[in-house]
Amino acid sequence: MAHLPPEVPAKNFGVGEQALKNVPKEELFIFQTDVPGGLEADQKSAAGALGKSPKDFAFRTMAGPPTKQTKGGNVRIVDSSNFKVTTTAMAMVTVHPGGMRELHWHPNADEWQYYIAGKGRMTVVATGNKARTMDFQEGDVGYVQKTLLHYIENTGDTDLMFLEMFGKVDRYQEFSFSEWLAHTPAELVMAHLHIDKATFDAIPKNGVSVTPL
């Protein structure tokens, strides 16, 4: 508005040019102002004559039960299957002390992480026998390229909480390394890893998301 001819916004809003003389010349971005009043007044103002939008743009992630739950923690998945207006996917992960986000990879998108609380350690494994291990804490951001194997350990004495964000995909997808091995012919896995049948049988068949079970 500050870079429009003064008469244009004045005509647009039906006011005199003097009424808009204090419009800032640069964007404010974040600035101090009065604390807003009650929510209902703002909702009524936004709705106008047409009323409230039929689409709900808020999803209360922590209000419902976890999508996946173990003794080691839980995962809450939000994507277009339960939040219809979104075109992205995410997961809220909680790993209890001593727990680990299991070995897994995502076939459909890169993963961006934001660490909310606690301390964690992630290892990402790439092709060519290359890997990198990094420590994370509250406020840090992590990244995992699509299809790369990775895991995250809780290295602190409190819950580790972080967001997994997946852009440009509307469905959450992951492959559990344990589940993949468990559904590969037993003889093939035992031969490759030099393990016995009892060890193979102990591998979780349905993935665990967060260990321990």
N, C-alpha and C. Protein backbone atom coordinates (compact mmCIF):
# COMPACT_ATOMS: atom_id res chain seq x y z
N MET A 1 0.82 -1.21 0.00
CA MET A 1 0.00 0.00 0.00
C MET A 1 0.85 1.26 0.00
N ALA A 2 2.00 1.22 0.69
CA ALA A 2 2.84 2.41 0.79
C ALA A 2 3.41 2.82 -0.57
N HIS A 3 3.50 1.91 -1.51
CA HIS A 3 4.10 2.22 -2.81
C HIS A 3 3.06 2.42 -3.91
N LEU A 4 1.78 2.44 -3.54
CA LEU A 4 0.72 2.80 -4.49
C LEU A 4 0.55 4.31 -4.50
N PRO A 5 0.09 4.87 -5.60
CA PRO A 5 -0.26 6.30 -5.58
C PRO A 5 -1.27 6.55 -4.46
N PRO A 6 -1.11 7.57 -3.62
CA PRO A 6 -1.98 7.78 -2.44
C PRO A 6 -3.46 7.76 -2.75
N GLU A 7 -3.82 8.27 -3.93
CA GLU A 7 -5.25 8.33 -4.23
C GLU A 7 -5.87 6.95 -4.49
N VAL A 8 -5.03 5.99 -4.86
CA VAL A 8 -5.56 4.66 -5.19
C VAL A 8 -6.11 3.94 -3.97
N PRO A 9 -5.33 3.71 -2.87
CA PRO A 9 -5.94 3.08 -1.69
C PRO A 9 -7.05 3.93 -1.08
N ALA A 10 -6.92 5.26 -1.19
CA ALA A 10 -7.98 6.12 -0.65
C ALA A 10 -9.30 5.87 -1.38
N LYS A 11 -9.24 5.81 -2.71
CA LYS A 11 -10.44 5.50 -3.48
C LYS A 11 -10.93 4.09 -3.19
N ASN A 12 -10.00 3.17 -3.05
CA ASN A 12 -10.35 1.76 -2.82
C ASN A 12 -11.13 1.58 -1.52
N PHE A 13 -10.71 2.30 -0.45
CA PHE A 13 -11.34 2.15 0.85
C PHE A 13 -12.41 3.20 1.13
N GLY A 14 -12.53 4.17 0.22
CA GLY A 14 -13.55 5.19 0.41
C GLY A 14 -13.22 6.15 1.53
N VAL A 15 -11.94 6.52 1.67
CA VAL A 15 -11.51 7.46 2.71
C VAL A 15 -10.65 8.53 2.07
N GLY A 16 -10.36 9.59 2.83
CA GLY A 16 -9.47 10.62 2.35
C GLY A 16 -8.01 10.17 2.39
N GLU A 17 -7.20 10.80 1.56
CA GLU A 17 -5.80 10.42 1.52
C GLU A 17 -5.10 10.63 2.85
N GLN A 18 -5.51 11.65 3.60
CA GLN A 18 -4.89 11.95 4.89
C GLN A 18 -5.07 10.81 5.88
N ALA A 19 -6.17 10.05 5.73
CA ALA A 19 -6.43 8.96 6.67
C ALA A 19 -5.38 7.86 6.58
N LEU A 20 -4.68 7.80 5.46
CA LEU A 20 -3.70 6.74 5.23
C LEU A 20 -2.26 7.27 5.22
N LYS A 21 -2.05 8.46 5.74
CA LYS A 21 -0.72 9.08 5.67
C LYS A 21 0.32 8.36 6.52
N ASN A 22 -0.12 7.57 7.52
CA ASN A 22 0.83 6.90 8.42
C ASN A 22 1.11 5.44 8.05
N VAL A 23 0.65 5.03 6.88
CA VAL A 23 0.93 3.66 6.45
C VAL A 23 2.45 3.45 6.38
N PRO A 24 3.00 2.40 7.02
CA PRO A 24 4.45 2.19 7.03
C PRO A 24 5.03 2.04 5.63
N LYS A 25 6.23 2.57 5.45
CA LYS A 25 6.89 2.50 4.15
C LYS A 25 7.61 1.17 3.93
N GLU A 26 7.87 0.42 5.01
CA GLU A 26 8.51 -0.88 4.92
C GLU A 26 7.70 -1.90 5.69
N GLU A 27 7.87 -3.20 5.36
CA GLU A 27 7.11 -4.22 6.07
C GLU A 27 7.54 -4.27 7.53
N LEU A 28 6.57 -4.56 8.42
CA LEU A 28 6.85 -4.60 9.85
C LEU A 28 7.34 -5.97 10.30
N PHE A 29 6.91 -7.02 9.61
CA PHE A 29 7.29 -8.41 9.88
C PHE A 29 6.83 -8.86 11.26
N ILE A 30 7.55 -8.51 12.33
CA ILE A 30 7.09 -8.77 13.69
C ILE A 30 7.19 -7.46 14.46
N PHE A 31 6.13 -7.08 15.14
CA PHE A 31 6.13 -5.79 15.82
C PHE A 31 5.22 -5.82 17.04
N GLN A 32 5.41 -4.85 17.92
CA GLN A 32 4.62 -4.73 19.15
C GLN A 32 3.28 -4.05 18.87
N THR A 33 2.22 -4.58 19.49
CA THR A 33 0.91 -3.95 19.42
C THR A 33 0.09 -4.44 20.61
N ASP A 34 -1.16 -4.02 20.70
CA ASP A 34 -2.00 -4.43 21.83
C ASP A 34 -2.31 -5.92 21.77
N VAL A 35 -2.47 -6.52 22.94
CA VAL A 35 -2.85 -7.94 23.01
C VAL A 35 -4.27 -8.10 22.49
N PRO A 36 -4.52 -9.09 21.60
CA PRO A 36 -5.87 -9.28 21.06
C PRO A 36 -6.89 -9.61 22.15
N GLY A 37 -8.14 -9.33 21.84
CA GLY A 37 -9.23 -9.66 22.76
C GLY A 37 -9.66 -11.11 22.60
N GLY A 38 -10.93 -11.38 22.85
CA GLY A 38 -11.45 -12.74 22.78
C GLY A 38 -11.47 -13.30 21.38
N LEU A 39 -11.41 -14.63 21.27
CA LEU A 39 -11.38 -15.31 19.97
C LEU A 39 -12.68 -15.13 19.20
N GLU A 40 -13.81 -15.14 19.90
CA GLU A 40 -15.11 -15.10 19.22
C GLU A 40 -15.28 -13.84 18.38
N ALA A 41 -14.79 -12.70 18.88
CA ALA A 41 -14.91 -11.45 18.13
C ALA A 41 -14.13 -11.52 16.82
N ASP A 42 -12.92 -12.08 16.88
CA ASP A 42 -12.12 -12.21 15.67
C ASP A 42 -12.75 -13.19 14.69
N GLN A 43 -13.33 -14.28 15.19
CA GLN A 43 -13.99 -15.25 14.33
C GLN A 43 -15.19 -14.63 13.62
N LYS A 44 -15.96 -13.82 14.35
CA LYS A 44 -17.13 -13.17 13.77
C LYS A 44 -16.72 -12.19 12.69
N SER A 45 -15.64 -11.44 12.95
CA SER A 45 -15.15 -10.47 11.98
C SER A 45 -14.66 -11.16 10.71
N ALA A 46 -13.92 -12.26 10.87
CA ALA A 46 -13.40 -12.99 9.72
C ALA A 46 -14.51 -13.64 8.90
N ALA A 47 -15.54 -14.11 9.57
CA ALA A 47 -16.64 -14.80 8.88
C ALA A 47 -17.43 -13.85 7.98
N GLY A 48 -17.64 -12.61 8.44
CA GLY A 48 -18.39 -11.64 7.66
C GLY A 48 -19.81 -12.10 7.35
N ALA A 49 -20.36 -11.61 6.23
CA ALA A 49 -21.74 -11.93 5.88
C ALA A 49 -21.89 -13.36 5.38
N LEU A 50 -20.82 -13.97 4.89
CA LEU A 50 -20.92 -15.31 4.33
C LEU A 50 -20.87 -16.41 5.39
N GLY A 51 -20.46 -16.06 6.59
CA GLY A 51 -20.39 -17.06 7.65
C GLY A 51 -19.07 -17.82 7.65
N LYS A 52 -18.91 -18.70 8.61
CA LYS A 52 -17.67 -19.45 8.78
C LYS A 52 -17.42 -20.40 7.62
N SER A 53 -16.16 -20.54 7.24
CA SER A 53 -15.78 -21.47 6.17
C SER A 53 -16.15 -22.90 6.57
N PRO A 54 -16.65 -23.70 5.64
CA PRO A 54 -16.97 -25.10 5.95
C PRO A 54 -15.73 -25.96 6.17
N LYS A 55 -14.56 -25.45 5.78
CA LYS A 55 -13.32 -26.20 5.95
C LYS A 55 -12.67 -25.86 7.28
N ASP A 56 -12.18 -26.88 7.96
CA ASP A 56 -11.49 -26.70 9.23
C ASP A 56 -9.99 -26.68 8.97
N PHE A 57 -9.34 -25.58 9.31
CA PHE A 57 -7.92 -25.43 9.03
C PHE A 57 -7.05 -25.70 10.26
N ALA A 58 -7.63 -26.29 11.29
CA ALA A 58 -6.88 -26.64 12.50
C ALA A 58 -7.03 -28.13 12.79
N PHE A 59 -5.92 -28.76 13.17
CA PHE A 59 -5.94 -30.16 13.57
C PHE A 59 -5.27 -30.27 14.92
N ARG A 60 -6.00 -30.76 15.93
CA ARG A 60 -5.48 -30.85 17.29
C ARG A 60 -4.70 -32.17 17.43
N THR A 61 -3.43 -32.11 17.10
CA THR A 61 -2.61 -33.31 17.03
C THR A 61 -2.59 -34.10 18.33
N MET A 62 -2.53 -33.41 19.46
CA MET A 62 -2.38 -34.07 20.74
C MET A 62 -3.72 -34.43 21.39
N ALA A 63 -4.82 -34.09 20.74
CA ALA A 63 -6.14 -34.33 21.34
C ALA A 63 -6.57 -35.79 21.26
N GLY A 64 -6.14 -36.49 20.22
CA GLY A 64 -6.55 -37.88 20.04
C GLY A 64 -5.46 -38.85 20.45
N PRO A 65 -5.73 -40.14 20.33
CA PRO A 65 -4.74 -41.16 20.68
C PRO A 65 -3.62 -41.20 19.66
N PRO A 66 -2.42 -41.67 20.04
CA PRO A 66 -1.31 -41.81 19.09
C PRO A 66 -1.66 -42.78 17.97
N THR A 67 -1.10 -42.55 16.81
CA THR A 67 -1.27 -43.47 15.69
C THR A 67 -0.56 -44.79 15.96
N LYS A 68 0.63 -44.70 16.55
CA LYS A 68 1.42 -45.87 16.92
C LYS A 68 1.95 -45.66 18.33
N GLN A 69 1.82 -46.69 19.18
CA GLN A 69 2.20 -46.58 20.58
C GLN A 69 2.99 -47.80 21.02
N THR A 70 4.12 -47.60 21.68
CA THR A 70 4.88 -48.67 22.29
C THR A 70 5.33 -48.20 23.66
N LYS A 71 5.99 -49.07 24.40
CA LYS A 71 6.53 -48.67 25.69
C LYS A 71 7.65 -47.64 25.53
N GLY A 72 8.27 -47.63 24.36
CA GLY A 72 9.37 -46.70 24.11
C GLY A 72 8.94 -45.31 23.70
N GLY A 73 7.67 -45.13 23.33
CA GLY A 73 7.20 -43.82 22.90
C GLY A 73 6.02 -43.95 21.97
N ASN A 74 5.79 -42.91 21.17
CA ASN A 74 4.65 -42.94 20.26
C ASN A 74 4.87 -42.03 19.06
N VAL A 75 4.04 -42.25 18.04
CA VAL A 75 4.06 -41.45 16.82
C VAL A 75 2.63 -41.03 16.51
N ARG A 76 2.43 -39.75 16.25
CA ARG A 76 1.12 -39.21 15.86
C ARG A 76 1.24 -38.68 14.43
N ILE A 77 0.55 -39.32 13.50
CA ILE A 77 0.65 -38.98 12.09
C ILE A 77 -0.51 -38.09 11.67
N VAL A 78 -0.18 -37.03 10.93
CA VAL A 78 -1.19 -36.13 10.38
C VAL A 78 -0.93 -36.00 8.89
N ASP A 79 -1.91 -36.40 8.07
CA ASP A 79 -1.83 -36.23 6.62
C ASP A 79 -3.23 -36.11 6.07
N SER A 80 -3.40 -36.23 4.77
CA SER A 80 -4.71 -36.02 4.16
C SER A 80 -5.73 -37.09 4.54
N SER A 81 -5.28 -38.18 5.14
CA SER A 81 -6.22 -39.22 5.55
C SER A 81 -7.04 -38.81 6.77
N ASN A 82 -6.47 -37.94 7.62
CA ASN A 82 -7.23 -37.49 8.79
C ASN A 82 -7.37 -35.97 8.88
N PHE A 83 -6.64 -35.23 8.04
CA PHE A 83 -6.75 -33.77 7.99
C PHE A 83 -6.96 -33.40 6.53
N LYS A 84 -8.21 -33.30 6.13
CA LYS A 84 -8.58 -33.28 4.71
C LYS A 84 -8.04 -32.10 3.93
N VAL A 85 -7.79 -30.95 4.57
CA VAL A 85 -7.39 -29.76 3.82
C VAL A 85 -5.90 -29.73 3.49
N THR A 86 -5.12 -30.63 4.08
CA THR A 86 -3.67 -30.53 3.92
C THR A 86 -3.17 -31.26 2.68
N THR A 87 -2.07 -30.76 2.14
CA THR A 87 -1.39 -31.43 1.03
C THR A 87 0.03 -31.80 1.43
N THR A 88 0.29 -31.81 2.73
CA THR A 88 1.57 -32.24 3.26
C THR A 88 1.33 -33.29 4.34
N ALA A 89 2.39 -33.97 4.73
CA ALA A 89 2.29 -34.99 5.77
C ALA A 89 3.29 -34.69 6.88
N MET A 90 2.95 -35.08 8.10
CA MET A 90 3.86 -34.88 9.22
C MET A 90 3.62 -35.94 10.28
N ALA A 91 4.57 -36.05 11.19
CA ALA A 91 4.42 -36.93 12.34
C ALA A 91 5.03 -36.25 13.56
N MET A 92 4.34 -36.33 14.68
CA MET A 92 4.86 -35.87 15.96
C MET A 92 5.38 -37.10 16.70
N VAL A 93 6.67 -37.11 16.99
CA VAL A 93 7.31 -38.29 17.57
C VAL A 93 7.75 -38.00 19.00
N THR A 94 7.43 -38.92 19.91
CA THR A 94 7.90 -38.86 21.29
C THR A 94 8.67 -40.13 21.58
N VAL A 95 9.92 -39.97 22.03
CA VAL A 95 10.78 -41.11 22.37
C VAL A 95 11.14 -40.99 23.84
N HIS A 96 10.76 -41.97 24.64
CA HIS A 96 11.06 -41.94 26.06
C HIS A 96 12.54 -42.21 26.31
N PRO A 97 13.07 -41.83 27.48
CA PRO A 97 14.47 -42.10 27.79
C PRO A 97 14.82 -43.57 27.58
N GLY A 98 15.93 -43.82 26.91
CA GLY A 98 16.33 -45.19 26.61
C GLY A 98 15.70 -45.75 25.35
N GLY A 99 14.79 -45.01 24.74
CA GLY A 99 14.10 -45.48 23.54
C GLY A 99 14.79 -45.02 22.27
N MET A 100 14.30 -45.53 21.14
CA MET A 100 14.89 -45.22 19.84
C MET A 100 13.82 -45.25 18.76
N ARG A 101 13.82 -44.25 17.92
CA ARG A 101 13.00 -44.28 16.69
C ARG A 101 13.65 -45.30 15.79
N GLU A 102 12.92 -46.36 15.48
CA GLU A 102 13.51 -47.53 14.82
C GLU A 102 14.17 -47.21 13.48
N LEU A 103 15.02 -48.11 13.03
CA LEU A 103 15.61 -48.03 11.70
C LEU A 103 14.50 -48.04 10.65
N HIS A 104 14.48 -47.02 9.79
CA HIS A 104 13.40 -46.94 8.79
C HIS A 104 13.83 -45.97 7.69
N TRP A 105 13.02 -45.89 6.65
CA TRP A 105 13.22 -44.89 5.60
C TRP A 105 11.87 -44.52 5.02
N HIS A 106 11.85 -43.39 4.31
CA HIS A 106 10.62 -42.87 3.71
C HIS A 106 10.76 -42.90 2.19
N PRO A 107 9.88 -43.60 1.49
CA PRO A 107 10.04 -43.79 0.05
C PRO A 107 9.53 -42.65 -0.82
N ASN A 108 8.74 -41.73 -0.22
CA ASN A 108 8.04 -40.77 -1.07
C ASN A 108 8.45 -39.31 -0.87
N ALA A 109 9.31 -39.00 0.11
CA ALA A 109 9.65 -37.59 0.34
C ALA A 109 10.86 -37.46 1.25
N ASP A 110 11.55 -36.32 1.13
CA ASP A 110 12.59 -35.96 2.09
C ASP A 110 11.93 -35.66 3.44
N GLU A 111 12.69 -35.81 4.50
CA GLU A 111 12.17 -35.56 5.85
C GLU A 111 12.89 -34.35 6.47
N TRP A 112 12.09 -33.38 6.92
CA TRP A 112 12.60 -32.25 7.70
C TRP A 112 12.17 -32.46 9.14
N GLN A 113 13.08 -32.24 10.07
CA GLN A 113 12.77 -32.45 11.49
C GLN A 113 12.95 -31.14 12.26
N TYR A 114 12.07 -30.95 13.24
CA TYR A 114 12.25 -29.85 14.19
C TYR A 114 12.20 -30.43 15.59
N TYR A 115 13.27 -30.23 16.36
CA TYR A 115 13.37 -30.80 17.69
C TYR A 115 12.75 -29.87 18.72
N ILE A 116 11.72 -30.36 19.39
CA ILE A 116 10.92 -29.56 20.31
C ILE A 116 11.45 -29.63 21.73
N ALA A 117 11.84 -30.81 22.18
CA ALA A 117 12.29 -30.98 23.55
C ALA A 117 13.20 -32.19 23.65
N GLY A 118 14.09 -32.18 24.65
CA GLY A 118 14.96 -33.32 24.90
C GLY A 118 16.23 -33.31 24.05
N LYS A 119 16.95 -34.42 24.12
CA LYS A 119 18.21 -34.56 23.38
C LYS A 119 18.18 -35.86 22.59
N GLY A 120 18.67 -35.82 21.36
CA GLY A 120 18.66 -37.00 20.52
C GLY A 120 19.90 -37.12 19.68
N ARG A 121 20.10 -38.30 19.13
CA ARG A 121 21.24 -38.57 18.25
C ARG A 121 20.73 -39.34 17.04
N MET A 122 20.98 -38.80 15.87
CA MET A 122 20.51 -39.44 14.63
C MET A 122 21.68 -39.90 13.79
N THR A 123 21.54 -41.08 13.22
CA THR A 123 22.48 -41.58 12.22
C THR A 123 21.73 -41.78 10.91
N VAL A 124 22.28 -41.25 9.83
CA VAL A 124 21.72 -41.40 8.48
C VAL A 124 22.71 -42.20 7.66
N VAL A 125 22.22 -43.24 6.99
CA VAL A 125 23.07 -44.12 6.20
C VAL A 125 22.77 -43.91 4.72
N ALA A 126 23.81 -43.59 3.95
CA ALA A 126 23.65 -43.37 2.52
C ALA A 126 24.30 -44.53 1.75
N THR A 127 24.14 -44.51 0.44
CA THR A 127 24.76 -45.55 -0.39
C THR A 127 26.27 -45.41 -0.36
N GLY A 128 26.95 -46.48 -0.70
CA GLY A 128 28.40 -46.45 -0.70
C GLY A 128 29.00 -46.59 0.69
N ASN A 129 28.25 -47.18 1.62
CA ASN A 129 28.74 -47.39 2.99
C ASN A 129 29.11 -46.08 3.68
N LYS A 130 28.36 -45.03 3.39
CA LYS A 130 28.61 -43.73 4.01
C LYS A 130 27.51 -43.44 5.04
N ALA A 131 27.90 -42.88 6.17
CA ALA A 131 26.93 -42.55 7.21
C ALA A 131 27.41 -41.33 7.97
N ARG A 132 26.48 -40.65 8.62
CA ARG A 132 26.83 -39.51 9.47
C ARG A 132 25.95 -39.54 10.71
N THR A 133 26.57 -39.28 11.87
CA THR A 133 25.86 -39.26 13.14
C THR A 133 25.94 -37.86 13.74
N MET A 134 24.80 -37.35 14.21
CA MET A 134 24.72 -35.97 14.70
C MET A 134 23.87 -35.92 15.97
N ASP A 135 24.22 -35.02 16.90
CA ASP A 135 23.42 -34.78 18.09
C ASP A 135 22.48 -33.62 17.84
N PHE A 136 21.28 -33.70 18.46
CA PHE A 136 20.28 -32.66 18.32
C PHE A 136 19.70 -32.32 19.68
N GLN A 137 19.21 -31.09 19.81
CA GLN A 137 18.53 -30.66 21.02
C GLN A 137 17.44 -29.67 20.64
N GLU A 138 16.71 -29.19 21.64
CA GLU A 138 15.59 -28.28 21.43
C GLU A 138 15.98 -27.12 20.52
N GLY A 139 15.15 -26.89 19.49
CA GLY A 139 15.38 -25.79 18.57
C GLY A 139 16.18 -26.16 17.33
N ASP A 140 16.76 -27.36 17.28
CA ASP A 140 17.55 -27.78 16.13
C ASP A 140 16.66 -28.29 15.00
N VAL A 141 17.22 -28.27 13.80
CA VAL A 141 16.53 -28.77 12.61
C VAL A 141 17.37 -29.86 11.98
N GLY A 142 16.73 -30.97 11.62
CA GLY A 142 17.42 -32.08 10.96
C GLY A 142 16.84 -32.34 9.58
N TYR A 143 17.59 -33.08 8.78
CA TYR A 143 17.16 -33.38 7.41
C TYR A 143 17.61 -34.78 7.03
N VAL A 144 16.72 -35.52 6.36
CA VAL A 144 17.04 -36.85 5.84
C VAL A 144 16.53 -36.93 4.41
N GLN A 145 17.40 -37.25 3.49
CA GLN A 145 17.01 -37.37 2.09
C GLN A 145 16.12 -38.59 1.89
N LYS A 146 15.20 -38.47 0.97
CA LYS A 146 14.27 -39.55 0.63
C LYS A 146 15.01 -40.86 0.40
N THR A 147 14.47 -41.93 0.97
CA THR A 147 14.92 -43.33 0.84
C THR A 147 16.16 -43.67 1.68
N LEU A 148 16.74 -42.72 2.42
CA LEU A 148 17.93 -43.04 3.21
C LEU A 148 17.53 -43.64 4.56
N LEU A 149 18.22 -44.72 4.93
CA LEU A 149 17.98 -45.39 6.20
C LEU A 149 18.45 -44.49 7.35
N HIS A 150 17.66 -44.41 8.43
CA HIS A 150 18.06 -43.59 9.57
C HIS A 150 17.36 -44.06 10.84
N TYR A 151 17.92 -43.66 11.97
CA TYR A 151 17.32 -43.92 13.28
C TYR A 151 17.68 -42.78 14.21
N ILE A 152 16.89 -42.61 15.28
CA ILE A 152 17.10 -41.51 16.23
C ILE A 152 16.99 -42.07 17.64
N GLU A 153 18.04 -41.88 18.44
CA GLU A 153 18.06 -42.33 19.82
C GLU A 153 17.80 -41.17 20.78
N ASN A 154 17.12 -41.45 21.87
CA ASN A 154 17.00 -40.48 22.96
C ASN A 154 18.26 -40.59 23.80
N THR A 155 19.06 -39.53 23.84
CA THR A 155 20.31 -39.55 24.59
C THR A 155 20.21 -38.79 25.91
N GLY A 156 19.00 -38.34 26.26
CA GLY A 156 18.81 -37.60 27.50
C GLY A 156 18.04 -38.39 28.53
N ASP A 157 17.67 -37.72 29.61
CA ASP A 157 16.90 -38.37 30.68
C ASP A 157 15.46 -37.87 30.74
N THR A 158 15.02 -37.16 29.70
CA THR A 158 13.64 -36.73 29.57
C THR A 158 13.13 -37.14 28.19
N ASP A 159 11.83 -36.99 27.94
CA ASP A 159 11.28 -37.34 26.64
C ASP A 159 11.92 -36.52 25.53
N LEU A 160 12.22 -37.18 24.43
CA LEU A 160 12.66 -36.51 23.20
C LEU A 160 11.43 -36.33 22.32
N MET A 161 11.15 -35.09 21.93
CA MET A 161 9.99 -34.80 21.08
C MET A 161 10.45 -34.03 19.85
N PHE A 162 10.01 -34.47 18.67
CA PHE A 162 10.36 -33.77 17.45
C PHE A 162 9.29 -33.98 16.38
N LEU A 163 9.24 -33.05 15.45
CA LEU A 163 8.34 -33.13 14.31
C LEU A 163 9.07 -33.70 13.11
N GLU A 164 8.40 -34.56 12.36
CA GLU A 164 8.87 -35.01 11.06
C GLU A 164 7.95 -34.38 10.01
N MET A 165 8.49 -33.59 9.10
CA MET A 165 7.69 -32.92 8.08
C MET A 165 8.08 -33.43 6.69
N PHE A 166 7.04 -33.66 5.85
CA PHE A 166 7.26 -34.18 4.50
C PHE A 166 6.50 -33.31 3.51
N GLY A 167 7.23 -32.49 2.76
CA GLY A 167 6.60 -31.57 1.83
C GLY A 167 6.22 -32.22 0.52
N LYS A 168 5.21 -31.66 -0.12
CA LYS A 168 4.77 -32.04 -1.47
C LYS A 168 4.20 -33.45 -1.56
N VAL A 169 3.87 -34.06 -0.43
CA VAL A 169 3.17 -35.35 -0.44
C VAL A 169 2.02 -35.25 0.57
N ASP A 170 0.88 -35.84 0.23
CA ASP A 170 -0.27 -35.72 1.12
C ASP A 170 -0.48 -36.97 1.97
N ARG A 171 0.39 -37.97 1.84
CA ARG A 171 0.28 -39.18 2.64
C ARG A 171 1.62 -39.53 3.28
N TYR A 172 1.56 -39.92 4.55
CA TYR A 172 2.74 -40.37 5.27
C TYR A 172 3.07 -41.80 4.86
N GLN A 173 4.33 -42.04 4.50
CA GLN A 173 4.78 -43.39 4.16
C GLN A 173 6.13 -43.66 4.80
N GLU A 174 6.30 -44.89 5.30
CA GLU A 174 7.60 -45.30 5.81
C GLU A 174 7.76 -46.79 5.65
N PHE A 175 9.02 -47.22 5.54
CA PHE A 175 9.36 -48.63 5.55
C PHE A 175 10.15 -48.91 6.82
N SER A 176 9.67 -49.88 7.61
CA SER A 176 10.39 -50.33 8.78
C SER A 176 11.46 -51.33 8.35
N PHE A 177 12.70 -51.10 8.76
CA PHE A 177 13.79 -52.01 8.41
C PHE A 177 13.53 -53.39 9.00
N SER A 178 13.04 -53.43 10.24
CA SER A 178 12.73 -54.72 10.89
C SER A 178 11.65 -55.47 10.13
N GLU A 179 10.58 -54.75 9.76
CA GLU A 179 9.48 -55.39 9.05
C GLU A 179 9.93 -55.90 7.68
N TRP A 180 10.77 -55.13 7.02
CA TRP A 180 11.28 -55.55 5.71
C TRP A 180 12.08 -56.84 5.83
N LEU A 181 12.97 -56.90 6.83
CA LEU A 181 13.76 -58.12 7.03
C LEU A 181 12.87 -59.31 7.39
N ALA A 182 11.87 -59.05 8.27
CA ALA A 182 11.02 -60.13 8.76
C ALA A 182 10.20 -60.77 7.64
N HIS A 183 9.96 -60.04 6.55
CA HIS A 183 9.16 -60.58 5.45
C HIS A 183 10.02 -60.98 4.25
N THR A 184 11.34 -61.00 4.48
CA THR A 184 12.27 -61.53 3.49
C THR A 184 12.51 -63.00 3.85
N PRO A 185 12.67 -63.90 2.88
CA PRO A 185 12.88 -65.32 3.21
C PRO A 185 13.94 -65.49 4.30
N ALA A 186 13.60 -66.28 5.32
CA ALA A 186 14.45 -66.44 6.49
C ALA A 186 15.85 -66.90 6.14
N GLU A 187 15.96 -67.88 5.24
CA GLU A 187 17.27 -68.42 4.89
C GLU A 187 18.18 -67.34 4.28
N LEU A 188 17.57 -66.44 3.51
CA LEU A 188 18.35 -65.38 2.87
C LEU A 188 18.89 -64.40 3.91
N VAL A 189 18.04 -64.02 4.85
CA VAL A 189 18.46 -63.09 5.90
C VAL A 189 19.52 -63.72 6.81
N MET A 190 19.29 -64.97 7.21
CA MET A 190 20.25 -65.64 8.09
C MET A 190 21.61 -65.80 7.42
N ALA A 191 21.60 -66.06 6.13
CA ALA A 191 22.86 -66.23 5.41
C ALA A 191 23.62 -64.91 5.30
N HIS A 192 22.89 -63.83 5.06
CA HIS A 192 23.54 -62.53 4.92
C HIS A 192 24.07 -61.98 6.24
N LEU A 193 23.30 -62.16 7.31
CA LEU A 193 23.64 -61.55 8.59
C LEU A 193 24.36 -62.51 9.55
N HIS A 194 24.47 -63.78 9.15
CA HIS A 194 25.10 -64.79 10.01
C HIS A 194 24.39 -64.89 11.36
N ILE A 195 23.07 -64.99 11.32
CA ILE A 195 22.27 -65.13 12.53
C ILE A 195 21.53 -66.47 12.49
N ASP A 196 21.09 -66.92 13.69
CA ASP A 196 20.35 -68.18 13.73
C ASP A 196 18.86 -67.93 13.59
N LYS A 197 18.08 -69.02 13.55
CA LYS A 197 16.63 -68.91 13.32
C LYS A 197 15.94 -68.21 14.48
N ALA A 198 16.41 -68.45 15.71
CA ALA A 198 15.79 -67.81 16.87
C ALA A 198 15.92 -66.29 16.79
N THR A 199 17.08 -65.83 16.35
CA THR A 199 17.29 -64.38 16.20
C THR A 199 16.41 -63.82 15.10
N PHE A 200 16.32 -64.54 13.99
CA PHE A 200 15.45 -64.08 12.90
C PHE A 200 14.00 -64.01 13.37
N ASP A 201 13.55 -65.02 14.10
CA ASP A 201 12.16 -65.05 14.57
C ASP A 201 11.85 -63.92 15.55
N ALA A 202 12.88 -63.39 16.20
CA ALA A 202 12.68 -62.31 17.18
C ALA A 202 12.48 -60.95 16.50
N ILE A 203 12.85 -60.84 15.23
CA ILE A 203 12.70 -59.56 14.53
C ILE A 203 11.21 -59.21 14.43
N PRO A 204 10.81 -58.00 14.84
CA PRO A 204 9.39 -57.62 14.80
C PRO A 204 8.82 -57.74 13.39
N LYS A 205 7.64 -58.33 13.29
CA LYS A 205 7.01 -58.57 11.99
C LYS A 205 6.25 -57.37 11.45
N ASN A 206 5.83 -56.46 12.33
CA ASN A 206 4.98 -55.34 11.91
C ASN A 206 5.60 -53.97 12.17
N GLY A 207 6.89 -53.93 12.43
CA GLY A 207 7.52 -52.65 12.73
C GLY A 207 7.13 -52.17 14.11
N VAL A 208 7.97 -51.34 14.71
CA VAL A 208 7.69 -50.92 16.09
C VAL A 208 7.66 -49.41 16.24
N SER A 209 8.07 -48.68 15.23
CA SER A 209 8.13 -47.21 15.25
C SER A 209 9.11 -46.69 16.30
N VAL A 210 8.81 -46.99 17.58
CA VAL A 210 9.70 -46.57 18.66
C VAL A 210 10.01 -47.78 19.52
N THR A 211 11.28 -48.11 19.69
CA THR A 211 11.68 -49.21 20.54
C THR A 211 11.93 -48.70 21.97
N PRO A 212 11.83 -49.53 23.01
CA PRO A 212 11.47 -50.94 22.95
C PRO A 212 9.98 -51.14 22.75
N LEU A 213 9.60 -52.39 22.46
CA LEU A 213 8.19 -52.73 22.24
C LEU A 213 7.38 -52.47 23.49
